[in-house]
PDB file of N, CA and C in Angstrom:
ATOM      1  N   MET A   1       9.252  -7.981 -33.080  1.00  0.00           N
ATOM      2  CA  MET A   1       9.661  -7.324 -31.846  1.00  0.00           C
ATOM      3  C   MET A   1       8.737  -6.152 -31.520  1.00  0.00           C
ATOM      4  N   ILE A   2       8.353  -5.393 -32.515  1.00  0.00           N
ATOM      5  CA  ILE A   2       7.461  -4.259 -32.286  1.00  0.00           C
ATOM      6  C   ILE A   2       6.117  -4.740 -31.760  1.00  0.00           C
ATOM      7  N   PHE A   3       5.624  -5.849 -32.261  1.00  0.00           N
ATOM      8  CA  PHE A   3       4.344  -6.387 -31.803  1.00  0.00           C
ATOM      9  C   PHE A   3       4.383  -6.705 -30.311  1.00  0.00           C
ATOM     10  N   ILE A   4       5.443  -7.291 -29.834  1.00  0.00           N
ATOM     11  CA  ILE A   4       5.573  -7.639 -28.411  1.00  0.00           C
ATOM     12  C   ILE A   4       5.560  -6.372 -27.563  1.00  0.00           C
ATOM     13  N   ILE A   5       6.303  -5.371 -27.959  1.00  0.00           N
ATOM     14  CA  ILE A   5       6.335  -4.110 -27.203  1.00  0.00           C
ATOM     15  C   ILE A   5       4.947  -3.486 -27.175  1.00  0.00           C
ATOM     16  N   CYS A   6       4.260  -3.468 -28.305  1.00  0.00           N
ATOM     17  CA  CYS A   6       2.903  -2.898 -28.350  1.00  0.00           C
ATOM     18  C   CYS A   6       1.943  -3.698 -27.484  1.00  0.00           C
ATOM     19  N   SER A   7       2.059  -5.018 -27.483  1.00  0.00           N
ATOM     20  CA  SER A   7       1.182  -5.853 -26.665  1.00  0.00           C
ATOM     21  C   SER A   7       1.380  -5.573 -25.193  1.00  0.00           C
ATOM     22  N   ILE A   8       2.611  -5.452 -24.762  1.00  0.00           N
ATOM     23  CA  ILE A   8       2.903  -5.141 -23.359  1.00  0.00           C
ATOM     24  C   ILE A   8       2.338  -3.770 -23.015  1.00  0.00           C
ATOM     25  N   PHE A   9       2.496  -2.808 -23.892  1.00  0.00           N
ATOM     26  CA  PHE A   9       1.985  -1.460 -23.662  1.00  0.00           C
ATOM     27  C   PHE A   9       0.466  -1.479 -23.493  1.00  0.00           C
ATOM     28  N   VAL A  10      -0.210  -2.225 -24.315  1.00  0.00           N
ATOM     29  CA  VAL A  10      -1.668  -2.318 -24.241  1.00  0.00           C
ATOM     30  C   VAL A  10      -2.086  -2.944 -22.918  1.00  0.00           C
ATOM     31  N   ILE A  11      -1.405  -3.972 -22.477  1.00  0.00           N
ATOM     32  CA  ILE A  11      -1.726  -4.616 -21.211  1.00  0.00           C
ATOM     33  C   ILE A  11      -1.571  -3.631 -20.058  1.00  0.00           C
ATOM     34  N   ILE A  12      -0.509  -2.863 -20.055  1.00  0.00           N
ATOM     35  CA  ILE A  12      -0.283  -1.890 -18.986  1.00  0.00           C
ATOM     36  C   ILE A  12      -1.370  -0.819 -18.977  1.00  0.00           C
ATOM     37  N   ILE A  13      -1.785  -0.357 -20.129  1.00  0.00           N
ATOM     38  CA  ILE A  13      -2.816   0.676 -20.212  1.00  0.00           C
ATOM     39  C   ILE A  13      -4.127   0.194 -19.602  1.00  0.00           C
ATOM     40  N   PHE A  14      -4.492  -1.057 -19.860  1.00  0.00           N
ATOM     41  CA  PHE A  14      -5.788  -1.554 -19.442  1.00  0.00           C
ATOM     42  C   PHE A  14      -5.798  -2.226 -18.071  1.00  0.00           C
ATOM     43  N   MET A  15      -4.688  -2.188 -17.348  1.00  0.00           N
ATOM     44  CA  MET A  15      -4.686  -2.738 -16.002  1.00  0.00           C
ATOM     45  C   MET A  15      -5.519  -1.825 -15.113  1.00  0.00           C
ATOM     46  N   GLU A  16      -6.458  -2.404 -14.411  1.00  0.00           N
ATOM     47  CA  GLU A  16      -7.382  -1.647 -13.561  1.00  0.00           C
ATOM     48  C   GLU A  16      -6.629  -1.060 -12.365  1.00  0.00           C
ATOM     49  N   LYS A  17      -6.847   0.222 -12.141  1.00  0.00           N
ATOM     50  CA  LYS A  17      -6.218   0.882 -10.996  1.00  0.00           C
ATOM     51  C   LYS A  17      -7.252   1.104  -9.912  1.00  0.00           C
ATOM     52  N   GLY A  18      -6.766   1.206  -8.694  1.00  0.00           N
ATOM     53  CA  GLY A  18      -7.662   1.419  -7.569  1.00  0.00           C
ATOM     54  C   GLY A  18      -6.929   2.038  -6.390  1.00  0.00           C
ATOM     55  N   ARG A  19      -7.643   2.061  -5.281  1.00  0.00           N
ATOM     56  CA  ARG A  19      -7.137   2.667  -4.045  1.00  0.00           C
ATOM     57  C   ARG A  19      -7.668   1.832  -2.892  1.00  0.00           C
ATOM     58  N   VAL A  20      -6.829   1.630  -1.887  1.00  0.00           N
ATOM     59  CA  VAL A  20      -7.278   0.936  -0.692  1.00  0.00           C
ATOM     60  C   VAL A  20      -6.773   1.685   0.543  1.00  0.00           C
ATOM     61  N   HIS A  21      -7.676   1.854   1.494  1.00  0.00           N
ATOM     62  CA  HIS A  21      -7.366   2.504   2.768  1.00  0.00           C
ATOM     63  C   HIS A  21      -7.376   1.409   3.831  1.00  0.00           C
ATOM     64  N   LEU A  22      -6.283   1.287   4.580  1.00  0.00           N
ATOM     65  CA  LEU A  22      -6.155   0.244   5.594  1.00  0.00           C
ATOM     66  C   LEU A  22      -5.976   0.838   6.977  1.00  0.00           C
ATOM     67  N   ARG A  23      -6.512   0.160   7.974  1.00  0.00           N
ATOM     68  CA  ARG A  23      -6.217   0.428   9.383  1.00  0.00           C
ATOM     69  C   ARG A  23      -5.732  -0.896   9.942  1.00  0.00           C
ATOM     70  N   VAL A  24      -4.456  -0.960  10.306  1.00  0.00           N
ATOM     71  CA  VAL A  24      -3.811  -2.191  10.749  1.00  0.00           C
ATOM     72  C   VAL A  24      -3.682  -2.147  12.263  1.00  0.00           C
ATOM     73  N   ARG A  25      -4.221  -3.168  12.935  1.00  0.00           N
ATOM     74  CA  ARG A  25      -4.199  -3.214  14.401  1.00  0.00           C
ATOM     75  C   ARG A  25      -3.387  -4.412  14.881  1.00  0.00           C
ATOM     76  N   GLY A  26      -2.885  -4.280  16.087  1.00  0.00           N
ATOM     77  CA  GLY A  26      -2.075  -5.324  16.696  1.00  0.00           C
ATOM     78  C   GLY A  26      -0.817  -4.690  17.249  1.00  0.00           C
ATOM     79  N   PHE A  27       0.239  -5.459  17.323  1.00  0.00           N
ATOM     80  CA  PHE A  27       1.545  -4.928  17.739  1.00  0.00           C
ATOM     81  C   PHE A  27       2.250  -4.471  16.466  1.00  0.00           C
ATOM     82  N   VAL A  28       1.971  -3.218  16.063  1.00  0.00           N
ATOM     83  CA  VAL A  28       2.436  -2.727  14.766  1.00  0.00           C
ATOM     84  C   VAL A  28       3.223  -1.416  14.849  1.00  0.00           C
ATOM     85  N   GLN A  29       3.411  -0.903  16.041  1.00  0.00           N
ATOM     86  CA  GLN A  29       4.254   0.285  16.195  1.00  0.00           C
ATOM     87  C   GLN A  29       5.532  -0.118  16.926  1.00  0.00           C
ATOM     88  N   GLY A  30       6.629   0.534  16.558  1.00  0.00           N
ATOM     89  CA  GLY A  30       7.919   0.216  17.161  1.00  0.00           C
ATOM     90  C   GLY A  30       8.588  -1.008  16.564  1.00  0.00           C
ATOM     91  N   VAL A  31       8.088  -1.465  15.401  1.00  0.00           N
ATOM     92  CA  VAL A  31       8.658  -2.650  14.737  1.00  0.00           C
ATOM     93  C   VAL A  31       9.007  -2.348  13.277  1.00  0.00           C
ATOM     94  N   PHE A  32       9.185  -1.075  12.958  1.00  0.00           N
ATOM     95  CA  PHE A  32       9.527  -0.621  11.606  1.00  0.00           C
ATOM     96  C   PHE A  32       8.427  -0.911  10.590  1.00  0.00           C
ATOM     97  N   PHE A  33       7.176  -0.904  11.047  1.00  0.00           N
ATOM     98  CA  PHE A  33       6.060  -1.168  10.142  1.00  0.00           C
ATOM     99  C   PHE A  33       5.964  -0.098   9.061  1.00  0.00           C
ATOM    100  N   ARG A  34       6.070   1.182   9.445  1.00  0.00           N
ATOM    101  CA  ARG A  34       5.942   2.259   8.449  1.00  0.00           C
ATOM    102  C   ARG A  34       7.048   2.207   7.413  1.00  0.00           C
ATOM    103  N   ALA A  35       8.291   2.088   7.857  1.00  0.00           N
ATOM    104  CA  ALA A  35       9.419   2.069   6.916  1.00  0.00           C
ATOM    105  C   ALA A  35       9.343   0.843   6.009  1.00  0.00           C
ATOM    106  N   SER A  36       8.993  -0.294   6.576  1.00  0.00           N
ATOM    107  CA  SER A  36       8.879  -1.512   5.773  1.00  0.00           C
ATOM    108  C   SER A  36       7.725  -1.409   4.782  1.00  0.00           C
ATOM    109  N   THR A  37       6.633  -0.780   5.203  1.00  0.00           N
ATOM    110  CA  THR A  37       5.494  -0.579   4.311  1.00  0.00           C
ATOM    111  C   THR A  37       5.887   0.319   3.143  1.00  0.00           C
ATOM    112  N   ARG A  38       6.615   1.396   3.441  1.00  0.00           N
ATOM    113  CA  ARG A  38       7.082   2.289   2.372  1.00  0.00           C
ATOM    114  C   ARG A  38       7.962   1.532   1.386  1.00  0.00           C
ATOM    115  N   ASP A  39       8.901   0.745   1.890  1.00  0.00           N
ATOM    116  CA  ASP A  39       9.800   0.001   1.009  1.00  0.00           C
ATOM    117  C   ASP A  39       9.027  -0.991   0.136  1.00  0.00           C
ATOM    118  N   MET A  40       8.064  -1.691   0.749  1.00  0.00           N
ATOM    119  CA  MET A  40       7.252  -2.654   0.012  1.00  0.00           C
ATOM    120  C   MET A  40       6.437  -1.935  -1.059  1.00  0.00           C
ATOM    121  N   ALA A  41       5.780  -0.836  -0.689  1.00  0.00           N
ATOM    122  CA  ALA A  41       4.934  -0.097  -1.635  1.00  0.00           C
ATOM    123  C   ALA A  41       5.755   0.440  -2.805  1.00  0.00           C
ATOM    124  N   CYS A  42       6.901   1.005  -2.511  1.00  0.00           N
ATOM    125  CA  CYS A  42       7.761   1.526  -3.581  1.00  0.00           C
ATOM    126  C   CYS A  42       8.207   0.404  -4.509  1.00  0.00           C
ATOM    127  N   GLY A  43       8.521  -0.754  -3.945  1.00  0.00           N
ATOM    128  CA  GLY A  43       8.924  -1.903  -4.750  1.00  0.00           C
ATOM    129  C   GLY A  43       7.815  -2.404  -5.666  1.00  0.00           C
ATOM    130  N   LEU A  44       6.564  -2.185  -5.259  1.00  0.00           N
ATOM    131  CA  LEU A  44       5.419  -2.607  -6.073  1.00  0.00           C
ATOM    132  C   LEU A  44       4.934  -1.506  -7.016  1.00  0.00           C
ATOM    133  N   GLY A  45       5.557  -0.332  -6.956  1.00  0.00           N
ATOM    134  CA  GLY A  45       5.146   0.777  -7.807  1.00  0.00           C
ATOM    135  C   GLY A  45       3.882   1.467  -7.332  1.00  0.00           C
ATOM    136  N   LEU A  46       3.581   1.370  -6.036  1.00  0.00           N
ATOM    137  CA  LEU A  46       2.380   1.999  -5.482  1.00  0.00           C
ATOM    138  C   LEU A  46       2.689   3.393  -4.961  1.00  0.00           C
ATOM    139  N   THR A  47       1.677   4.214  -4.886  1.00  0.00           N
ATOM    140  CA  THR A  47       1.797   5.546  -4.296  1.00  0.00           C
ATOM    141  C   THR A  47       0.856   5.627  -3.102  1.00  0.00           C
ATOM    142  N   GLY A  48       1.054   6.669  -2.262  1.00  0.00           N
ATOM    143  CA  GLY A  48       0.192   6.861  -1.097  1.00  0.00           C
ATOM    144  C   GLY A  48       0.988   7.243   0.127  1.00  0.00           C
ATOM    145  N   TRP A  49       0.541   6.762   1.285  1.00  0.00           N
ATOM    146  CA  TRP A  49       1.205   7.115   2.546  1.00  0.00           C
ATOM    147  C   TRP A  49       0.880   6.107   3.642  1.00  0.00           C
ATOM    148  N   VAL A  50       1.672   6.172   4.725  1.00  0.00           N
ATOM    149  CA  VAL A  50       1.467   5.348   5.910  1.00  0.00           C
ATOM    150  C   VAL A  50       1.807   6.185   7.133  1.00  0.00           C
ATOM    151  N   ARG A  51       1.083   5.979   8.242  1.00  0.00           N
ATOM    152  CA  ARG A  51       1.361   6.720   9.470  1.00  0.00           C
ATOM    153  C   ARG A  51       0.903   5.935  10.698  1.00  0.00           C
ATOM    154  N   ASN A  52       1.539   6.229  11.835  1.00  0.00           N
ATOM    155  CA  ASN A  52       1.100   5.694  13.120  1.00  0.00           C
ATOM    156  C   ASN A  52      -0.099   6.485  13.601  1.00  0.00           C
ATOM    157  N   MET A  53      -0.974   5.811  14.341  1.00  0.00           N
ATOM    158  CA  MET A  53      -2.154   6.450  14.920  1.00  0.00           C
ATOM    159  C   MET A  53      -2.047   6.436  16.449  1.00  0.00           C
ATOM    160  N   PRO A  54      -2.707   7.381  17.109  1.00  0.00           N
ATOM    161  CA  PRO A  54      -2.581   7.483  18.569  1.00  0.00           C
ATOM    162  C   PRO A  54      -3.053   6.240  19.328  1.00  0.00           C
ATOM    163  N   ASP A  55      -3.938   5.447  18.720  1.00  0.00           N
ATOM    164  CA  ASP A  55      -4.447   4.256  19.411  1.00  0.00           C
ATOM    165  C   ASP A  55      -3.532   3.038  19.265  1.00  0.00           C
ATOM    166  N   GLY A  56      -2.358   3.221  18.642  1.00  0.00           N
ATOM    167  CA  GLY A  56      -1.408   2.128  18.467  1.00  0.00           C
ATOM    168  C   GLY A  56      -1.521   1.405  17.144  1.00  0.00           C
ATOM    169  N   SER A  57      -2.481   1.800  16.315  1.00  0.00           N
ATOM    170  CA  SER A  57      -2.641   1.176  14.997  1.00  0.00           C
ATOM    171  C   SER A  57      -1.794   1.918  13.965  1.00  0.00           C
ATOM    172  N   VAL A  58      -1.767   1.376  12.768  1.00  0.00           N
ATOM    173  CA  VAL A  58      -1.104   2.008  11.625  1.00  0.00           C
ATOM    174  C   VAL A  58      -2.154   2.191  10.542  1.00  0.00           C
ATOM    175  N   GLU A  59      -2.168   3.373   9.941  1.00  0.00           N
ATOM    176  CA  GLU A  59      -3.096   3.690   8.858  1.00  0.00           C
ATOM    177  C   GLU A  59      -2.297   3.852   7.573  1.00  0.00           C
ATOM    178  N   ALA A  60      -2.843   3.351   6.470  1.00  0.00           N
ATOM    179  CA  ALA A  60      -2.152   3.457   5.184  1.00  0.00           C
ATOM    180  C   ALA A  60      -3.160   3.626   4.058  1.00  0.00           C
ATOM    181  N   VAL A  61      -2.735   4.349   3.028  1.00  0.00           N
ATOM    182  CA  VAL A  61      -3.505   4.487   1.792  1.00  0.00           C
ATOM    183  C   VAL A  61      -2.562   4.133   0.649  1.00  0.00           C
ATOM    184  N   PHE A  62      -3.002   3.213  -0.195  1.00  0.00           N
ATOM    185  CA  PHE A  62      -2.223   2.793  -1.358  1.00  0.00           C
ATOM    186  C   PHE A  62      -3.033   3.054  -2.617  1.00  0.00           C
ATOM    187  N   GLU A  63      -2.347   3.477  -3.687  1.00  0.00           N
ATOM    188  CA  GLU A  63      -2.956   3.568  -5.012  1.00  0.00           C
ATOM    189  C   GLU A  63      -2.052   2.887  -6.020  1.00  0.00           C
ATOM    190  N   GLY A  64      -2.667   2.244  -6.994  1.00  0.00           N
ATOM    191  CA  GLY A  64      -1.924   1.571  -8.048  1.00  0.00           C
ATOM    192  C   GLY A  64      -2.799   0.541  -8.719  1.00  0.00           C
ATOM    193  N   THR A  65      -2.165  -0.403  -9.399  1.00  0.00           N
ATOM    194  CA  THR A  65      -2.942  -1.444 -10.063  1.00  0.00           C
ATOM    195  C   THR A  65      -3.534  -2.385  -9.011  1.00  0.00           C
ATOM    196  N   GLU A  66      -4.692  -2.914  -9.328  1.00  0.00           N
ATOM    197  CA  GLU A  66      -5.382  -3.775  -8.370  1.00  0.00           C
ATOM    198  C   GLU A  66      -4.555  -4.990  -7.984  1.00  0.00           C
ATOM    199  N   ASP A  67      -3.814  -5.556  -8.928  1.00  0.00           N
ATOM    200  CA  ASP A  67      -2.962  -6.708  -8.604  1.00  0.00           C
ATOM    201  C   ASP A  67      -1.915  -6.337  -7.560  1.00  0.00           C
ATOM    202  N   MET A  68      -1.280  -5.184  -7.726  1.00  0.00           N
ATOM    203  CA  MET A  68      -0.258  -4.757  -6.776  1.00  0.00           C
ATOM    204  C   MET A  68      -0.888  -4.373  -5.430  1.00  0.00           C
ATOM    205  N   LEU A  69      -2.092  -3.802  -5.469  1.00  0.00           N
ATOM    206  CA  LEU A  69      -2.789  -3.464  -4.224  1.00  0.00           C
ATOM    207  C   LEU A  69      -3.100  -4.729  -3.421  1.00  0.00           C
ATOM    208  N   LYS A  70      -3.506  -5.784  -4.085  1.00  0.00           N
ATOM    209  CA  LYS A  70      -3.795  -7.041  -3.396  1.00  0.00           C
ATOM    210  C   LYS A  70      -2.546  -7.613  -2.741  1.00  0.00           C
ATOM    211  N   ILE A  71      -1.412  -7.486  -3.407  1.00  0.00           N
ATOM    212  CA  ILE A  71      -0.143  -7.951  -2.832  1.00  0.00           C
ATOM    213  C   ILE A  71       0.198  -7.122  -1.595  1.00  0.00           C
ATOM    214  N   ALA A  72      -0.003  -5.801  -1.671  1.00  0.00           N
ATOM    215  CA  ALA A  72       0.292  -4.923  -0.533  1.00  0.00           C
ATOM    216  C   ALA A  72      -0.600  -5.254   0.661  1.00  0.00           C
ATOM    217  N   VAL A  73      -1.876  -5.478   0.414  1.00  0.00           N
ATOM    218  CA  VAL A  73      -2.803  -5.819   1.504  1.00  0.00           C
ATOM    219  C   VAL A  73      -2.389  -7.146   2.143  1.00  0.00           C
ATOM    220  N   ALA A  74      -2.045  -8.126   1.334  1.00  0.00           N
ATOM    221  CA  ALA A  74      -1.599  -9.421   1.867  1.00  0.00           C
ATOM    222  C   ALA A  74      -0.346  -9.238   2.723  1.00  0.00           C
ATOM    223  N   TRP A  75       0.589  -8.406   2.261  1.00  0.00           N
ATOM    224  CA  TRP A  75       1.804  -8.147   3.035  1.00  0.00           C
ATOM    225  C   TRP A  75       1.444  -7.502   4.371  1.00  0.00           C
ATOM    226  N   CYS A  76       0.521  -6.560   4.375  1.00  0.00           N
ATOM    227  CA  CYS A  76       0.138  -5.868   5.609  1.00  0.00           C
ATOM    228  C   CYS A  76      -0.516  -6.811   6.620  1.00  0.00           C
ATOM    229  N   HIS A  77      -1.095  -7.894   6.171  1.00  0.00           N
ATOM    230  CA  HIS A  77      -1.682  -8.868   7.093  1.00  0.00           C
ATOM    231  C   HIS A  77      -0.606  -9.555   7.938  1.00  0.00           C
ATOM    232  N   LYS A  78       0.621  -9.569   7.461  1.00  0.00           N
ATOM    233  CA  LYS A  78       1.738 -10.131   8.226  1.00  0.00           C
ATOM    234  C   LYS A  78       2.640  -9.028   8.764  1.00  0.00           C
ATOM    235  N   GLY A  79       2.968  -8.048   7.921  1.00  0.00           N
ATOM    236  CA  GLY A  79       3.858  -6.967   8.322  1.00  0.00           C
ATOM    237  C   GLY A  79       5.302  -7.417   8.368  1.00  0.00           C
ATOM    238  N   PRO A  80       6.169  -6.549   8.864  1.00  0.00           N
ATOM    239  CA  PRO A  80       7.591  -6.878   8.942  1.00  0.00           C
ATOM    240  C   PRO A  80       7.867  -7.833  10.110  1.00  0.00           C
ATOM    241  N   PRO A  81       9.075  -8.403  10.159  1.00  0.00           N
ATOM    242  CA  PRO A  81       9.423  -9.246  11.312  1.00  0.00           C
ATOM    243  C   PRO A  81       9.246  -8.445  12.605  1.00  0.00           C
ATOM    244  N   GLY A  82       8.685  -9.058  13.594  1.00  0.00           N
ATOM    245  CA  GLY A  82       8.442  -8.387  14.870  1.00  0.00           C
ATOM    246  C   GLY A  82       7.023  -7.876  15.028  1.00  0.00           C
ATOM    247  N   ALA A  83       6.332  -7.662  13.932  1.00  0.00           N
ATOM    248  CA  ALA A  83       4.943  -7.202  14.001  1.00  0.00           C
ATOM    249  C   ALA A  83       4.023  -8.394  14.273  1.00  0.00           C
ATOM    250  N   ARG A  84       2.933  -8.112  14.959  1.00  0.00           N
ATOM    251  CA  ARG A  84       1.876  -9.112  15.163  1.00  0.00           C
ATOM    252  C   ARG A  84       0.547  -8.443  14.813  1.00  0.00           C
ATOM    253  N   VAL A  85       0.097  -8.667  13.611  1.00  0.00           N
ATOM    254  CA  VAL A  85      -1.135  -8.052  13.120  1.00  0.00           C
ATOM    255  C   VAL A  85      -2.326  -8.879  13.620  1.00  0.00           C
ATOM    256  N   SER A  86      -3.264  -8.200  14.275  1.00  0.00           N
ATOM    257  CA  SER A  86      -4.446  -8.903  14.783  1.00  0.00           C
ATOM    258  C   SER A  86      -5.685  -8.653  13.922  1.00  0.00           C
ATOM    259  N   ASN A  87      -5.732  -7.504  13.242  1.00  0.00           N
ATOM    260  CA  ASN A  87      -6.921  -7.156  12.469  1.00  0.00           C
ATOM    261  C   ASN A  87      -6.573  -6.065  11.468  1.00  0.00           C
ATOM    262  N   ILE A  88      -7.218  -6.109  10.309  1.00  0.00           N
ATOM    263  CA  ILE A  88      -7.078  -5.043   9.310  1.00  0.00           C
ATOM    264  C   ILE A  88      -8.465  -4.663   8.818  1.00  0.00           C
ATOM    265  N   ASP A  89      -8.764  -3.372   8.869  1.00  0.00           N
ATOM    266  CA  ASP A  89      -9.965  -2.840   8.234  1.00  0.00           C
ATOM    267  C   ASP A  89      -9.561  -2.400   6.834  1.00  0.00           C
ATOM    268  N   GLU A  90     -10.257  -2.908   5.814  1.00  0.00           N
ATOM    269  CA  GLU A  90      -9.968  -2.568   4.417  1.00  0.00           C
ATOM    270  C   GLU A  90     -11.127  -1.785   3.837  1.00  0.00           C
ATOM    271  N   ASN A  91     -10.808  -0.694   3.159  1.00  0.00           N
ATOM    272  CA  ASN A  91     -11.818   0.079   2.459  1.00  0.00           C
ATOM    273  C   ASN A  91     -11.310   0.314   1.039  1.00  0.00           C
ATOM    274  N   TRP A  92     -11.905  -0.397   0.070  1.00  0.00           N
ATOM    275  CA  TRP A  92     -11.508  -0.285  -1.334  1.00  0.00           C
ATOM    276  C   TRP A  92     -12.251   0.869  -1.977  1.00  0.00           C
ATOM    277  N   LEU A  93     -11.498   1.719  -2.675  1.00  0.00           N
ATOM    278  CA  LEU A  93     -12.043   2.941  -3.262  1.00  0.00           C
ATOM    279  C   LEU A  93     -11.588   3.075  -4.712  1.00  0.00           C
ATOM    280  N   GLY A  94     -12.094   4.089  -5.369  1.00  0.00           N
ATOM    281  CA  GLY A  94     -11.680   4.382  -6.735  1.00  0.00           C
ATOM    282  C   GLY A  94     -10.350   5.104  -6.777  1.00  0.00           C
ATOM    283  N   TYR A  95      -9.632   4.892  -7.844  1.00  0.00           N
ATOM    284  CA  TYR A  95      -8.330   5.526  -8.070  1.00  0.00           C
ATOM    285  C   TYR A  95      -8.505   7.029  -8.261  1.00  0.00           C
ATOM    286  N   THR A  96      -7.647   7.829  -7.604  1.00  0.00           N
ATOM    287  CA  THR A  96      -7.701   9.283  -7.765  1.00  0.00           C
ATOM    288  C   THR A  96      -6.469   9.848  -8.455  1.00  0.00           C
ATOM    289  N   GLY A  97      -5.327   9.192  -8.335  1.00  0.00           N
ATOM    290  CA  GLY A  97      -4.093   9.688  -8.929  1.00  0.00           C
ATOM    291  C   GLY A  97      -3.504  10.878  -8.204  1.00  0.00           C
ATOM    292  N   GLU A  98      -3.909  11.107  -6.965  1.00  0.00           N
ATOM    293  CA  GLU A  98      -3.457  12.302  -6.247  1.00  0.00           C
ATOM    294  C   GLU A  98      -2.029  12.226  -5.716  1.00  0.00           C
ATOM    295  N   PHE A  99      -1.447  11.037  -5.666  1.00  0.00           N
ATOM    296  CA  PHE A  99      -0.108  10.888  -5.089  1.00  0.00           C
ATOM    297  C   PHE A  99       0.943  10.727  -6.179  1.00  0.00           C
ATOM    298  N   SER A 100       2.127  11.273  -5.924  1.00  0.00           N
ATOM    299  CA  SER A 100       3.227  11.103  -6.874  1.00  0.00           C
ATOM    300  C   SER A 100       4.248  10.086  -6.382  1.00  0.00           C
ATOM    301  N   ASP A 101       4.198   9.745  -5.091  1.00  0.00           N
ATOM    302  CA  ASP A 101       5.118   8.775  -4.523  1.00  0.00           C
ATOM    303  C   ASP A 101       4.482   8.152  -3.288  1.00  0.00           C
ATOM    304  N   PHE A 102       5.262   7.391  -2.536  1.00  0.00           N
ATOM    305  CA  PHE A 102       4.764   6.808  -1.288  1.00  0.00           C
ATOM    306  C   PHE A 102       5.595   7.366  -0.157  1.00  0.00           C
ATOM    307  N   GLU A 103       4.917   7.889   0.878  1.00  0.00           N
ATOM    308  CA  GLU A 103       5.640   8.538   1.960  1.00  0.00           C
ATOM    309  C   GLU A 103       5.178   8.066   3.329  1.00  0.00           C
ATOM    310  N   VAL A 104       6.084   8.223   4.294  1.00  0.00           N
ATOM    311  CA  VAL A 104       5.749   8.021   5.702  1.00  0.00           C
ATOM    312  C   VAL A 104       5.303   9.366   6.238  1.00  0.00           C
ATOM    313  N   LYS A 105       4.107   9.409   6.812  1.00  0.00           N
ATOM    314  CA  LYS A 105       3.598  10.643   7.427  1.00  0.00           C
ATOM    315  C   LYS A 105       3.879  10.592   8.922  1.00  0.00           C
ATOM    316  N   TYR A 106       4.165  11.747   9.475  1.00  0.00           N
ATOM    317  CA  TYR A 106       4.401  11.862  10.912  1.00  0.00           C
ATOM    318  C   TYR A 106       3.320  12.728  11.515  1.00  0.00           C
ATOM    319  N   GLY A 107       2.848  12.381  12.696  1.00  0.00           N
ATOM    320  CA  GLY A 107       1.765  13.116  13.319  1.00  0.00           C
ATOM    321  C   GLY A 107       0.441  12.467  12.980  1.00  0.00           C
ATOM    322  N   PHE A 108      -0.616  12.955  13.560  1.00  0.00           N
ATOM    323  CA  PHE A 108      -1.915  12.312  13.429  1.00  0.00           C
ATOM    324  C   PHE A 108      -2.937  13.159  12.678  1.00  0.00           C
ATOM    325  N   GLY A 109      -2.531  14.273  12.091  1.00  0.00           N
ATOM    326  CA  GLY A 109      -3.485  15.168  11.460  1.00  0.00           C
ATOM    327  C   GLY A 109      -3.621  15.022  10.050  1.00  0.00           C
TER     328      GLY A 109
END
């Protein structure tokens, strides 16, 4: 039993972490995109933030394991029911660890 616990611990330690910055375009405001993104990110154990932009897009930054980041990006390509995503700009970056949770930001600054 101890061996299994240690093996799982080792796997978690060596999982590659990263960061991805997204700009999601389409019909993505007024359809609970931010709240749904927060719920999805929290469920995946990701940290970061999401906010509406003045041009009608949604911007998000996620940090966590690369596997979970890929799931989050795939989810953002569809979004919540009612959203119609037309394009996503993805910028993959190095992990910084600057976030302690995932939040919805208000305002554009």
